[in-house]
Amino acid sequence: MKNFKKYILAISALLMMVSCYDGIDSITEVDPGPDAGSPIVTIIKPSEGFEIQVPEPVTSTSIEFKVEDDIEIMSVKVSLDGQTIATFDSFLDYRIFNNQFMYDNITTGEHVLQVTATDIAGNETTATSNFSKEPPYTPLFSGETFYMNFDGSYTELISVTDATEVGNPGFAPEARVGSGAYQGATNSYLTFPTDGLLGTQFSASLWTKVNATPDRAALLVIGPPDTDNPDAQNNRTSGFRFFRENAGGMQRYKLNVGNGTADIWFDGGAAADVDPTTNDWVHLAFTISETEAVVYINGEVVKQGAFDGIDWTGSDILSIMSGAPRFSGWGHLSDSSYLDDLRLFNVALSQNEILEIIAQSDEIFELGFNGSYKESYSGEDCNEIGNPSFTGMVGAYEGSNAYLGAADSYLTFPTDGLLNDEFSAVFNYKVNAMPDRAGILVVGPPDTDNPDAQNNRTSGFRVFRENAGGMQRIKLNVGNGESETWFDGGAAADIDPSSNQWVQIAVTISETECVVYIDGDIVKQGEFSGIDWTGCDILSIMSGAPRFTGWGHLSDESAMDALKIYKKALSQAEIQAML
């Protein structure tokens, strides 16, 4: 009886299995075919060239990537600066893998992220993203309280605080300084709280490329609310309003400031006009003190007048690139122009200080020599040849140290990013007449015909000194690609080595002329057809070696401080502003 029941159960189970599969084809294994190629790896964050700007020395960043393969992903490895920080070998979808995680140990400096994926056939793909954590921003100028560079964000870099976005502001396809700039849009602007920005004195500095449509707009406004006119606010008794208006096809920049009971106008008329058809970047600045207000365009005063001091009652927000919400009554709304390098100050800047800011906008290389040979913009160290040293604080021109030359000793630095149609170099210098001739700054080509006494002067430039009756004469030689041109000021370019004094030396090279300055005075100026940079891959500092040695202009045992290089030919006023 038990066996009979077993048979019945077995038959029933068999019938059930047959009925379950009735009408359904059996499962057949499908060959996926040969592996057609390597995995595809895409790094989403951090993107190539991303810059982290936060005050903390060590921070975090989000790492996000995607891996795809036509057959099957076998493994994924994530590396940072050559060290593995994450691995994956188990995947819900064996052909597509998306992942995102936070990594906490991002130190100041350059970083390389790599994501390597391997498929089941052993094919391997590596994607790379180069990014950096910038050092905390240090104000460049006395009294600087606010700085926005618009290099991919609306972050104020001193407080490391993001501005509030209204509407849809964007980023321009070009920049005046750095890698990014603000681009205005209709009904769009930024706001920022004024905490810590307001005092008895105030200055603003910015670059703009004007778009004359709309034909009136505001750039910067800090003002009080107008409760009587909430939809067309125009209370001008405190704060300030910096704006533009059409003036016969030109755009005229104006400043209005409130002293607590009334408003005062600073309208320069035609002197404050900018031609929007030129499509040029223009530097704008204004200053407010207890006694006057001044408006500048490209460092020139366009309006100056007496003023008895600003009142800040109710002025709790800064509007950037619009009059809204506090200055909209006359239609000064969003500005569709470009804006870059916005700085605010709690002091009334002098004209020289404004000129220095303008010049700094084109600075691309700086060596302060404060205990290292590290270049400030790249963060890279110069190459040391021999045994250069430092003067110590007592012997420095500024800061804590300066360069001190030694026999057979100098610095070199690659010229990547330093060579342009225009060029300027400015530095402070205390001459040591021994040896009695030396190279100071040289960017020149190799001389393959004379490797031990190089002297190819058809491209690049050479700044050097030579004995002239007991004086040391500063000279400049520049190559245009075919020949050389000399800029020798004779006795005007002489320095007395017995004075033991620091002097400022500057050279400027444009497409039409070269100028040599000592302490801001022109010692030689002449026409020039434009520099050629063929073969000029290294900058030599405080020696002619290795590219300018044929006449014995070797290591300079003098002292040098505050070496700066610019991508334009500086004006005399800009050079004098650095004295």
Protein backbone atom coordinates (compact mmCIF):
# COMPACT_ATOMS: atom_id res chain seq x y z
CA MET A 1 0.00 0.00 0.00
CA LYS A 2 2.88 2.39 0.81
CA ASN A 3 4.60 1.61 -2.50
CA PHE A 4 1.35 2.20 -4.38
CA LYS A 5 1.08 5.66 -2.80
CA LYS A 6 4.66 6.46 -3.80
CA TYR A 7 3.92 5.57 -7.41
CA ILE A 8 0.81 7.74 -7.44
CA LEU A 9 2.79 10.71 -6.01
CA ALA A 10 5.60 10.27 -8.51
CA ILE A 11 3.21 10.13 -11.46
CA SER A 12 1.39 13.22 -10.18
CA ALA A 13 4.63 15.17 -9.89
CA LEU A 14 5.64 14.17 -13.39
CA LEU A 15 2.27 15.25 -14.79
CA MET A 16 2.60 18.62 -13.02
CA MET A 17 6.07 19.21 -14.49
CA VAL A 18 4.83 18.38 -17.97
CA SER A 19 1.87 20.75 -17.60
CA CYS A 20 4.09 23.61 -16.31
CA TYR A 21 6.30 23.49 -19.40
CA ASP A 22 3.46 22.85 -21.85
CA GLY A 23 3.77 25.31 -24.77
CA ILE A 24 7.13 26.81 -23.61
CA ASP A 25 10.38 26.21 -25.47
CA SER A 26 13.20 24.79 -23.44
CA ILE A 27 15.99 27.17 -22.34
CA THR A 28 18.81 27.25 -24.84
CA GLU A 29 22.20 28.81 -23.99
CA VAL A 30 23.09 31.69 -26.31
CA ASP A 31 26.73 32.31 -27.15
CA PRO A 32 27.44 36.05 -26.44
CA GLY A 33 30.09 35.98 -29.12
CA PRO A 34 33.68 37.14 -28.94
CA ASP A 35 34.69 40.11 -26.77
CA ALA A 36 34.53 43.04 -29.20
CA GLY A 37 36.76 45.44 -27.32
CA SER A 38 38.04 46.94 -24.10
CA PRO A 39 35.82 48.46 -21.44
CA ILE A 40 34.73 52.10 -21.70
CA VAL A 41 35.60 54.14 -18.59
CA THR A 42 34.22 57.63 -17.96
CA ILE A 43 35.26 59.74 -14.96
CA ILE A 44 32.44 62.13 -14.08
CA LYS A 45 33.87 63.67 -10.89
CA PRO A 46 36.32 65.24 -10.39
CA SER A 47 36.39 66.50 -13.95
CA GLU A 48 39.64 67.25 -15.77
CA GLY A 49 41.14 70.51 -14.47
CA PHE A 50 38.80 70.75 -11.48
CA GLU A 51 40.10 73.05 -8.72
CA ILE A 52 39.07 72.62 -5.08
CA GLN A 53 39.17 75.92 -3.19
CA VAL A 54 38.41 75.60 0.51
CA PRO A 55 40.20 77.02 3.58
CA GLU A 56 40.99 73.62 5.12
CA PRO A 57 44.46 72.19 4.33
CA VAL A 58 42.93 68.70 3.87
CA THR A 59 39.47 68.17 2.39
CA SER A 60 37.15 65.70 0.66
CA THR A 61 35.99 65.27 -2.90
CA SER A 62 33.35 63.19 -4.62
CA ILE A 63 34.62 60.49 -6.97
CA GLU A 64 32.09 59.36 -9.57
CA PHE A 65 32.64 57.16 -12.63
CA LYS A 66 30.95 54.81 -15.09
CA VAL A 67 32.28 51.59 -16.65
CA GLU A 68 30.70 49.81 -19.62
CA ASP A 69 31.66 46.56 -21.39
CA ASP A 70 30.07 44.58 -24.21
CA ILE A 71 30.46 41.21 -22.43
CA GLU A 72 31.34 41.32 -18.75
CA ILE A 73 33.26 43.55 -16.33
CA MET A 74 35.64 41.53 -14.19
CA SER A 75 37.20 44.21 -11.95
CA VAL A 76 37.55 47.97 -11.38
CA LYS A 77 40.40 49.70 -9.55
CA VAL A 78 40.45 53.37 -8.45
CA SER A 79 43.84 54.98 -7.79
CA LEU A 80 44.81 58.42 -6.55
CA ASP A 81 48.36 59.61 -7.15
CA GLY A 82 49.45 56.04 -7.81
CA GLN A 83 47.90 54.54 -4.67
CA THR A 84 44.87 52.23 -4.85
CA ILE A 85 41.96 53.69 -2.86
CA ALA A 86 39.11 51.37 -3.95
CA THR A 87 38.55 48.06 -5.80
CA PHE A 88 35.38 46.37 -7.07
CA ASP A 89 34.87 42.81 -8.34
CA SER A 90 31.16 42.16 -7.78
CA PHE A 91 28.55 43.79 -9.98
CA LEU A 92 24.74 43.63 -10.12
CA ASP A 93 24.88 44.41 -13.83
CA TYR A 94 27.94 42.74 -15.27
CA ARG A 95 28.06 45.08 -18.31
CA ILE A 96 27.40 48.52 -16.74
CA PHE A 97 28.81 49.77 -13.42
CA ASN A 98 28.09 53.23 -11.98
CA ASN A 99 29.71 54.22 -8.71
CA GLN A 100 30.14 57.28 -6.52
CA PHE A 101 31.89 57.70 -3.19
CA MET A 102 33.59 60.39 -1.07
CA TYR A 103 37.34 60.37 -0.55
CA ASP A 104 38.54 62.34 2.47
CA ASN A 105 42.30 62.81 2.22
CA ILE A 106 42.73 65.46 -0.48
CA THR A 107 45.76 67.59 0.35
CA THR A 108 46.87 70.87 -1.22
CA GLY A 109 48.53 70.35 -4.59
CA GLU A 110 48.10 68.54 -7.90
CA HIS A 111 46.37 65.15 -7.99
CA VAL A 112 45.88 62.40 -10.57
CA LEU A 113 42.82 60.13 -10.38
CA GLN A 114 42.82 56.93 -12.42
CA VAL A 115 40.02 54.40 -12.88
CA THR A 116 41.10 51.09 -14.45
CA ALA A 117 38.57 48.53 -15.64
CA THR A 118 39.32 44.95 -16.76
CA ASP A 119 36.84 42.75 -18.62
CA ILE A 120 36.47 38.98 -18.53
CA ALA A 121 38.72 38.60 -21.57
CA GLY A 122 41.51 40.51 -19.87
CA ASN A 123 41.11 43.74 -21.86
CA GLU A 124 42.00 46.77 -19.73
CA THR A 125 41.14 50.49 -19.96
CA THR A 126 42.36 53.34 -17.76
CA ALA A 127 40.74 56.79 -17.61
CA THR A 128 42.59 59.70 -16.00
CA SER A 129 41.49 62.99 -14.48
CA ASN A 130 43.93 65.64 -13.30
CA PHE A 131 42.63 67.96 -10.59
CA SER A 132 44.03 70.11 -7.81
CA LYS A 133 43.34 71.40 -4.35
CA GLU A 134 44.36 75.03 -4.31
CA PRO A 135 45.87 76.55 -1.18
CA PRO A 136 43.51 78.80 0.77
CA TYR A 137 43.24 82.18 -0.93
CA THR A 138 45.33 84.87 0.71
CA PRO A 139 44.28 88.46 -0.02
CA LEU A 140 46.75 90.02 -2.43
CA PHE A 141 46.19 93.62 -1.45
CA SER A 142 45.86 95.53 1.81
CA GLY A 143 42.25 95.89 2.89
CA GLU A 144 40.89 93.24 0.50
CA THR A 145 37.72 91.74 2.00
CA PHE A 146 36.03 90.04 -0.95
CA TYR A 147 37.27 88.21 -4.06
CA MET A 148 35.36 86.34 -6.76
CA ASN A 149 37.36 84.98 -9.69
CA PHE A 150 34.42 83.17 -11.39
CA ASP A 151 36.69 80.26 -12.35
CA GLY A 152 33.85 77.79 -12.62
CA SER A 153 31.96 78.84 -9.49
CA TYR A 154 30.34 81.80 -7.73
CA THR A 155 32.38 81.26 -4.57
CA GLU A 156 33.77 84.22 -2.64
CA LEU A 157 37.28 83.00 -1.87
CA ILE A 158 38.15 84.86 1.34
CA SER A 159 35.14 83.59 3.26
CA VAL A 160 34.76 80.54 0.95
CA THR A 161 31.03 81.28 0.71
CA ASP A 162 28.86 80.76 -2.37
CA ALA A 163 26.82 83.68 -3.67
CA THR A 164 23.07 83.21 -4.04
CA GLU A 165 22.06 82.70 -7.68
CA VAL A 166 18.92 84.44 -8.92
CA GLY A 167 17.63 83.29 -12.31
CA ASN A 168 20.18 81.59 -14.54
CA PRO A 169 23.52 83.41 -14.55
CA GLY A 170 26.21 81.64 -16.53
CA PHE A 171 29.89 81.55 -17.34
CA ALA A 172 31.48 83.37 -20.26
CA PRO A 173 33.36 81.55 -23.05
CA GLU A 174 36.43 83.62 -22.23
CA ALA A 175 38.12 85.14 -19.18
CA ARG A 176 40.11 88.30 -18.54
CA VAL A 177 41.93 86.73 -15.59
CA GLY A 178 42.25 83.03 -14.81
CA SER A 179 40.08 80.40 -16.47
CA GLY A 180 36.51 81.70 -16.11
CA ALA A 181 34.30 84.78 -16.04
CA TYR A 182 30.67 85.61 -15.23
CA GLN A 183 28.21 85.96 -18.10
CA GLY A 184 25.03 87.85 -17.39
CA ALA A 185 21.56 86.81 -18.50
CA THR A 186 18.06 88.30 -18.44
CA ASN A 187 16.53 88.39 -14.96
CA SER A 188 19.68 86.82 -13.54
CA TYR A 189 22.22 88.01 -11.01
CA LEU A 190 24.02 87.14 -7.76
CA THR A 191 23.54 88.35 -4.20
CA PHE A 192 25.86 88.16 -1.22
CA PRO A 193 25.48 89.24 2.43
CA THR A 194 27.39 92.38 3.36
CA ASP A 195 28.56 91.17 6.79
CA GLY A 196 32.20 92.23 7.21
CA LEU A 197 32.29 94.26 4.01
CA LEU A 198 31.09 97.69 5.16
CA GLY A 199 33.20 100.41 6.77
CA THR A 200 33.86 104.12 6.61
CA GLN A 201 35.89 103.50 3.45
CA PHE A 202 35.10 101.22 0.52
CA SER A 203 36.56 100.33 -2.88
CA ALA A 204 35.63 97.99 -5.71
CA SER A 205 37.72 96.70 -8.61
CA LEU A 206 36.50 94.59 -11.53
CA TRP A 207 36.91 93.75 -15.21
CA THR A 208 33.98 93.89 -17.62
CA LYS A 209 33.31 93.39 -21.32
CA VAL A 210 30.18 95.38 -21.93
CA ASN A 211 27.13 94.12 -23.80
CA ALA A 212 25.06 97.18 -24.69
CA THR A 213 21.84 95.13 -24.66
CA PRO A 214 20.03 95.99 -22.48
CA ASP A 215 21.11 99.61 -22.87
CA ARG A 216 21.09 100.22 -19.10
CA ALA A 217 21.97 97.93 -16.22
CA ALA A 218 23.59 97.87 -12.81
CA LEU A 219 26.90 96.19 -11.99
CA LEU A 220 27.19 96.51 -8.20
CA VAL A 221 24.59 97.69 -5.70
CA ILE A 222 24.60 97.78 -1.91
CA GLY A 223 21.53 99.69 -0.83
CA PRO A 224 18.57 99.77 1.58
CA PRO A 225 15.09 98.42 0.90
CA ASP A 226 12.43 100.77 -0.43
CA THR A 227 9.33 99.65 1.45
CA ASP A 228 7.17 102.29 -0.22
CA ASN A 229 7.98 100.92 -3.68
CA PRO A 230 8.58 97.18 -3.29
CA ASP A 231 8.23 96.48 -7.04
CA ALA A 232 10.36 99.43 -8.22
CA GLN A 233 12.80 100.08 -5.40
CA ASN A 234 14.90 103.25 -5.50
CA ASN A 235 15.90 104.33 -1.98
CA ARG A 236 19.26 106.05 -2.52
CA THR A 237 19.82 107.66 0.90
CA SER A 238 22.39 105.04 1.94
CA GLY A 239 24.74 102.56 0.30
CA PHE A 240 25.87 102.94 -3.30
CA ARG A 241 24.81 102.10 -6.85
CA PHE A 242 27.34 101.53 -9.64
CA PHE A 243 25.64 101.24 -13.02
CA ARG A 244 25.72 102.04 -16.74
CA GLU A 245 23.43 103.84 -19.19
CA ASN A 246 23.30 104.49 -22.93
CA ALA A 247 24.90 107.79 -23.91
CA GLY A 248 24.57 108.28 -27.66
CA GLY A 249 25.63 104.71 -28.40
CA MET A 250 28.34 104.68 -25.73
CA GLN A 251 27.85 103.12 -22.33
CA ARG A 252 28.40 105.63 -19.50
CA TYR A 253 29.39 104.38 -16.03
CA LYS A 254 28.01 106.26 -13.01
CA LEU A 255 28.26 106.05 -9.23
CA ASN A 256 25.55 107.18 -6.81
CA VAL A 257 26.26 107.22 -3.04
CA GLY A 258 24.04 107.95 -0.05
CA ASN A 259 25.24 109.81 3.06
CA GLY A 260 22.20 108.97 5.23
CA THR A 261 20.02 111.91 4.25
CA ALA A 262 20.66 112.45 0.54
CA ASP A 263 22.38 110.94 -2.49
CA ILE A 264 25.38 112.36 -4.35
CA TRP A 265 26.16 111.70 -8.01
CA PHE A 266 29.57 110.98 -9.51
CA ASP A 267 28.95 111.17 -13.25
CA GLY A 268 32.05 111.76 -15.38
CA GLY A 269 30.15 112.51 -18.55
CA ALA A 270 31.95 111.54 -21.76
CA ALA A 271 35.12 110.75 -19.80
CA ALA A 272 33.26 107.80 -18.25
CA ASP A 273 32.07 106.38 -21.59
CA VAL A 274 33.04 102.97 -22.91
CA ASP A 275 32.50 102.01 -26.55
CA PRO A 276 30.65 98.67 -26.57
CA THR A 277 31.52 98.01 -30.22
CA THR A 278 35.23 97.52 -29.47
CA ASN A 279 34.50 94.25 -27.64
CA ASP A 280 37.39 94.94 -25.23
CA TRP A 281 37.76 94.10 -21.57
CA VAL A 282 37.76 97.27 -19.46
CA HIS A 283 38.89 97.71 -15.87
CA LEU A 284 36.48 99.63 -13.64
CA ALA A 285 37.05 100.81 -10.08
CA PHE A 286 35.60 103.26 -7.61
CA THR A 287 36.63 104.39 -4.15
CA ILE A 288 34.65 105.98 -1.33
CA SER A 289 36.30 107.70 1.64
CA GLU A 290 35.14 110.08 4.37
CA THR A 291 35.99 113.05 2.13
CA GLU A 292 35.59 112.07 -1.53
CA ALA A 293 34.56 109.46 -4.09
CA VAL A 294 36.48 108.62 -7.27
CA VAL A 295 35.57 106.59 -10.37
CA TYR A 296 38.31 105.04 -12.54
CA ILE A 297 38.33 103.43 -15.98
CA ASN A 298 41.50 101.53 -16.90
CA GLY A 299 43.26 103.23 -14.01
CA GLU A 300 42.42 106.76 -15.14
CA VAL A 301 40.28 109.11 -13.05
CA VAL A 302 37.01 109.81 -14.90
CA LYS A 303 35.20 111.47 -12.01
CA GLN A 304 36.34 112.74 -8.62
CA GLY A 305 34.39 114.81 -6.12
CA ALA A 306 33.93 115.76 -2.50
CA PHE A 307 31.78 113.52 -0.31
CA ASP A 308 31.07 113.63 3.43
CA GLY A 309 30.96 109.89 4.10
CA ILE A 310 28.78 106.91 3.26
CA ASP A 311 25.88 105.65 5.37
CA TRP A 312 25.10 101.92 5.33
CA THR A 313 21.66 101.90 7.00
CA GLY A 314 19.66 98.92 5.75
CA SER A 315 22.40 97.88 3.32
CA ASP A 316 22.50 94.18 4.09
CA ILE A 317 22.92 92.64 0.62
CA LEU A 318 25.29 93.09 -2.30
CA SER A 319 23.76 92.66 -5.75
CA ILE A 320 26.20 91.64 -8.49
CA MET A 321 25.36 92.37 -12.14
CA SER A 322 21.90 93.79 -11.49
CA GLY A 323 20.19 96.62 -9.66
CA ALA A 324 17.57 94.19 -8.39
CA PRO A 325 16.17 93.99 -5.86
CA ARG A 326 17.10 97.37 -4.27
CA PHE A 327 17.72 99.59 -7.33
CA SER A 328 15.15 98.70 -9.97
CA GLY A 329 12.99 101.83 -10.12
CA TRP A 330 14.74 103.26 -13.17
CA GLY A 331 15.12 99.98 -15.03
CA HIS A 332 18.72 99.23 -14.05
CA LEU A 333 18.18 95.48 -14.02
CA SER A 334 20.34 92.54 -15.07
CA ASP A 335 23.56 93.21 -16.95
CA SER A 336 24.23 90.75 -19.80
CA SER A 337 27.89 91.76 -19.95
CA TYR A 338 30.88 89.69 -18.83
CA LEU A 339 32.39 90.26 -15.37
CA ASP A 340 35.70 89.00 -14.00
CA ASP A 341 38.04 89.33 -11.03
CA LEU A 342 35.73 91.20 -8.66
CA ARG A 343 37.46 92.56 -5.55
CA LEU A 344 36.10 94.66 -2.67
CA PHE A 345 38.12 96.55 -0.06
CA ASN A 346 37.52 98.27 3.28
CA VAL A 347 39.94 101.06 2.32
CA ALA A 348 39.86 103.81 -0.30
CA LEU A 349 42.48 102.61 -2.79
CA SER A 350 44.93 105.09 -4.28
CA GLN A 351 45.36 105.40 -8.03
CA ASN A 352 48.72 103.63 -7.78
CA GLU A 353 47.10 100.74 -5.96
CA ILE A 354 44.47 100.46 -8.68
CA LEU A 355 47.18 100.46 -11.34
CA GLU A 356 48.96 97.70 -9.43
CA ILE A 357 45.75 95.63 -9.40
CA ILE A 358 45.40 96.14 -13.15
CA ALA A 359 48.99 95.00 -13.69
CA GLN A 360 48.54 92.02 -11.38
CA SER A 361 45.71 90.82 -13.60
CA ASP A 362 48.33 90.03 -16.26
CA GLU A 363 50.93 88.59 -13.89
CA ILE A 364 51.78 84.99 -14.81
CA PHE A 365 54.97 84.28 -12.83
CA GLU A 366 56.16 85.32 -9.38
CA LEU A 367 59.17 84.41 -7.27
CA GLY A 368 59.18 85.95 -3.81
CA PHE A 369 62.33 84.10 -2.65
CA ASN A 370 60.94 83.88 0.89
CA GLY A 371 62.98 80.85 1.84
CA SER A 372 62.27 78.83 -1.31
CA TYR A 373 62.56 78.96 -5.09
CA LYS A 374 58.89 78.02 -5.58
CA GLU A 375 56.99 79.89 -8.29
CA SER A 376 53.68 81.11 -6.90
CA TYR A 377 51.26 80.47 -9.79
CA SER A 378 52.36 76.99 -10.79
CA GLY A 379 53.49 75.89 -7.34
CA GLU A 380 56.56 74.40 -9.03
CA ASP A 381 60.12 74.76 -7.74
CA CYS A 382 62.82 76.24 -9.93
CA ASN A 383 65.74 74.01 -10.87
CA GLU A 384 68.80 74.88 -8.81
CA ILE A 385 72.18 74.88 -10.54
CA GLY A 386 75.19 75.02 -8.19
CA ASN A 387 74.53 76.54 -4.79
CA PRO A 388 72.35 79.65 -4.93
CA SER A 389 71.34 80.96 -1.51
CA PHE A 390 69.32 83.58 0.37
CA THR A 391 70.11 86.97 1.91
CA GLY A 392 68.09 86.46 5.10
CA MET A 393 65.46 88.90 6.29
CA VAL A 394 67.93 91.71 7.00
CA GLY A 395 69.15 91.65 3.41
CA ALA A 396 65.76 91.26 1.71
CA TYR A 397 64.00 93.98 -0.24
CA GLU A 398 60.61 92.79 1.00
CA GLY A 399 59.28 89.78 2.83
CA SER A 400 61.48 87.42 4.78
CA ASN A 401 64.20 86.69 2.23
CA ALA A 402 65.75 87.41 -1.15
CA TYR A 403 67.87 85.51 -3.67
CA LEU A 404 71.65 85.75 -3.22
CA GLY A 405 73.79 84.67 -6.13
CA ALA A 406 76.96 82.59 -5.97
CA ALA A 407 79.68 81.52 -8.40
CA ASP A 408 78.49 78.95 -10.97
CA SER A 409 74.99 79.08 -9.46
CA TYR A 410 71.61 80.07 -10.86
CA LEU A 411 67.99 78.96 -11.36
CA THR A 412 66.10 77.72 -14.39
CA PHE A 413 62.38 77.35 -15.03
CA PRO A 414 60.42 75.99 -18.02
CA THR A 415 58.82 78.68 -20.16
CA ASP A 416 55.51 76.86 -20.73
CA GLY A 417 52.75 79.47 -20.54
CA LEU A 418 55.16 82.40 -20.10
CA LEU A 419 55.77 83.39 -23.73
CA ASN A 420 53.36 85.75 -25.48
CA ASP A 421 53.38 88.44 -28.15
CA GLU A 422 53.92 90.92 -25.30
CA PHE A 423 56.16 90.37 -22.29
CA SER A 424 57.28 92.26 -19.20
CA ALA A 425 59.59 91.43 -16.31
CA VAL A 426 59.94 93.46 -13.11
CA PHE A 427 62.28 92.75 -10.19
CA ASN A 428 64.23 94.38 -7.40
CA TYR A 429 67.99 94.16 -7.60
CA LYS A 430 71.04 94.98 -5.49
CA VAL A 431 74.14 94.75 -7.64
CA ASN A 432 77.43 93.12 -6.67
CA ALA A 433 80.06 94.28 -9.17
CA MET A 434 82.01 91.03 -8.78
CA PRO A 435 82.08 89.51 -11.31
CA ASP A 436 82.05 92.63 -13.45
CA ARG A 437 79.61 91.18 -16.00
CA ALA A 438 76.76 88.69 -15.62
CA GLY A 439 73.45 87.53 -17.03
CA ILE A 440 70.35 88.47 -15.02
CA LEU A 441 67.38 87.08 -16.98
CA VAL A 442 67.69 85.06 -20.18
CA VAL A 443 65.12 83.28 -22.33
CA GLY A 444 66.96 82.18 -25.45
CA PRO A 445 67.42 79.35 -27.94
CA PRO A 446 70.20 76.75 -27.87
CA ASP A 447 73.34 77.38 -29.90
CA THR A 448 74.13 73.92 -31.24
CA ASP A 449 77.18 75.20 -33.13
CA ASN A 450 78.78 76.46 -29.91
CA PRO A 451 77.59 74.20 -27.08
CA ASP A 452 80.29 75.41 -24.67
CA ALA A 453 79.97 79.12 -25.45
CA GLN A 454 76.36 79.60 -26.53
CA ASN A 455 75.35 82.91 -28.06
CA ASN A 456 72.38 82.49 -30.43
CA ARG A 457 70.55 85.81 -30.17
CA THR A 458 68.05 85.54 -33.03
CA SER A 459 65.14 84.79 -30.70
CA GLY A 460 64.18 85.36 -27.09
CA PHE A 461 65.80 88.03 -24.93
CA ARG A 462 68.78 88.65 -22.69
CA VAL A 463 68.88 91.09 -19.74
CA PHE A 464 72.43 91.46 -18.43
CA ARG A 465 74.96 93.85 -16.94
CA GLU A 466 78.50 94.93 -17.79
CA ASN A 467 81.18 97.12 -16.25
CA ALA A 468 81.13 100.70 -17.58
CA GLY A 469 83.93 102.68 -15.96
CA GLY A 470 83.18 101.32 -12.51
CA MET A 471 79.42 101.52 -12.95
CA GLN A 472 77.26 98.53 -13.88
CA ARG A 473 75.27 99.11 -17.06
CA ILE A 474 71.97 97.27 -17.60
CA LYS A 475 71.32 96.17 -21.21
CA LEU A 476 68.58 94.34 -23.13
CA ASN A 477 69.02 92.29 -26.29
CA VAL A 478 65.98 90.88 -28.15
CA GLY A 479 65.63 88.61 -31.21
CA ASN A 480 62.87 88.89 -33.82
CA GLY A 481 63.49 85.51 -35.48
CA GLU A 482 66.00 86.74 -38.05
CA SER A 483 68.17 89.24 -36.23
CA GLU A 484 68.78 90.91 -32.88
CA THR A 485 68.06 94.42 -31.62
CA TRP A 486 69.98 96.18 -28.85
CA PHE A 487 68.48 98.42 -26.18
CA ASP A 488 71.48 100.03 -24.48
CA GLY A 489 70.72 103.22 -22.59
CA GLY A 490 74.34 104.16 -22.07
CA ALA A 491 75.06 106.13 -18.90
CA ALA A 492 71.31 106.48 -18.20
CA ALA A 493 71.22 102.71 -17.58
CA ASP A 494 74.12 102.70 -15.12
CA ILE A 495 73.89 101.58 -11.49
CA ASP A 496 76.51 102.55 -8.92
CA PRO A 497 77.51 99.30 -7.17
CA SER A 498 79.12 101.23 -4.32
CA SER A 499 75.74 102.60 -3.24
CA ASN A 500 74.65 99.16 -1.99
CA GLN A 501 71.03 100.11 -2.70
CA TRP A 502 68.06 98.15 -4.04
CA VAL A 503 66.79 99.35 -7.42
CA GLN A 504 63.78 98.29 -9.44
CA ILE A 505 64.55 97.05 -12.95
CA ALA A 506 61.84 96.46 -15.55
CA VAL A 507 61.82 95.53 -19.23
CA THR A 508 58.79 95.54 -21.52
CA ILE A 509 58.52 94.02 -25.00
CA SER A 510 55.57 94.71 -27.30
CA GLU A 511 54.98 94.18 -31.01
CA THR A 512 56.21 97.71 -31.75
CA GLU A 513 58.82 98.66 -29.12
CA CYS A 514 60.99 97.68 -26.16
CA VAL A 515 61.58 99.75 -23.04
CA VAL A 516 64.06 99.42 -20.18
CA TYR A 517 63.28 101.08 -16.82
CA ILE A 518 65.34 101.69 -13.68
CA ASP A 519 63.32 102.82 -10.66
CA GLY A 520 60.38 103.60 -12.94
CA ASP A 521 62.37 105.93 -15.20
CA ILE A 522 62.87 105.10 -18.88
CA VAL A 523 66.57 104.55 -19.55
CA LYS A 524 66.13 103.16 -23.07
CA GLN A 525 63.18 103.00 -25.45
CA GLY A 526 63.16 102.00 -29.09
CA GLU A 527 61.18 100.52 -31.96
CA PHE A 528 60.99 96.76 -32.34
CA SER A 529 59.18 94.51 -34.81
CA GLY A 530 58.10 91.81 -32.34
CA ILE A 531 59.81 89.02 -30.44
CA ASP A 532 60.32 85.49 -31.73
CA TRP A 533 60.37 82.61 -29.23
CA THR A 534 61.76 79.80 -31.40
CA GLY A 535 63.68 77.32 -29.24
CA CYS A 536 63.10 79.33 -26.06
CA ASP A 537 62.10 76.58 -23.65
CA ILE A 538 63.89 77.67 -20.45
CA LEU A 539 64.19 80.82 -18.36
CA SER A 540 67.57 81.37 -16.70
CA ILE A 541 67.54 83.50 -13.54
CA MET A 542 70.70 85.27 -12.35
CA SER A 543 72.96 83.84 -15.04
CA GLY A 544 73.40 83.80 -18.80
CA ALA A 545 74.00 80.05 -18.63
CA PRO A 546 73.32 77.86 -20.39
CA ARG A 547 72.11 79.78 -23.49
CA PHE A 548 74.06 83.08 -23.26
CA THR A 549 77.64 82.33 -22.20
CA GLY A 550 79.69 83.22 -25.27
CA TRP A 551 80.69 86.63 -23.93
CA GLY A 552 81.21 85.57 -20.33
CA HIS A 553 77.84 86.65 -18.93
CA LEU A 554 77.71 83.90 -16.33
CA SER A 555 76.38 83.75 -12.77
CA ASP A 556 75.40 86.98 -11.04
CA GLU A 557 76.42 87.18 -7.37
CA SER A 558 74.04 90.08 -6.78
CA ALA A 559 70.76 89.92 -4.83
CA MET A 560 67.31 89.71 -6.44
CA ASP A 561 63.83 89.95 -4.93
CA ALA A 562 60.18 89.94 -6.07
CA LEU A 563 60.66 88.73 -9.65
CA LYS A 564 57.42 89.05 -11.63
CA ILE A 565 56.58 88.29 -15.25
CA TYR A 566 53.54 89.61 -17.14
CA LYS A 567 51.79 88.64 -20.35
CA LYS A 568 51.58 92.22 -21.58
CA ALA A 569 53.83 95.24 -22.03
CA LEU A 570 53.27 97.18 -18.82
CA SER A 571 52.85 100.94 -18.93
CA GLN A 572 55.25 103.26 -17.14
CA ALA A 573 52.48 104.15 -14.69
CA GLU A 574 51.95 100.47 -13.85
CA ILE A 575 55.66 99.96 -13.29
CA GLN A 576 55.92 103.06 -11.12
CA ALA A 577 52.93 101.86 -9.09
CA MET A 578 55.06 98.88 -8.00
CA LEU A 579 57.84 101.02 -6.53
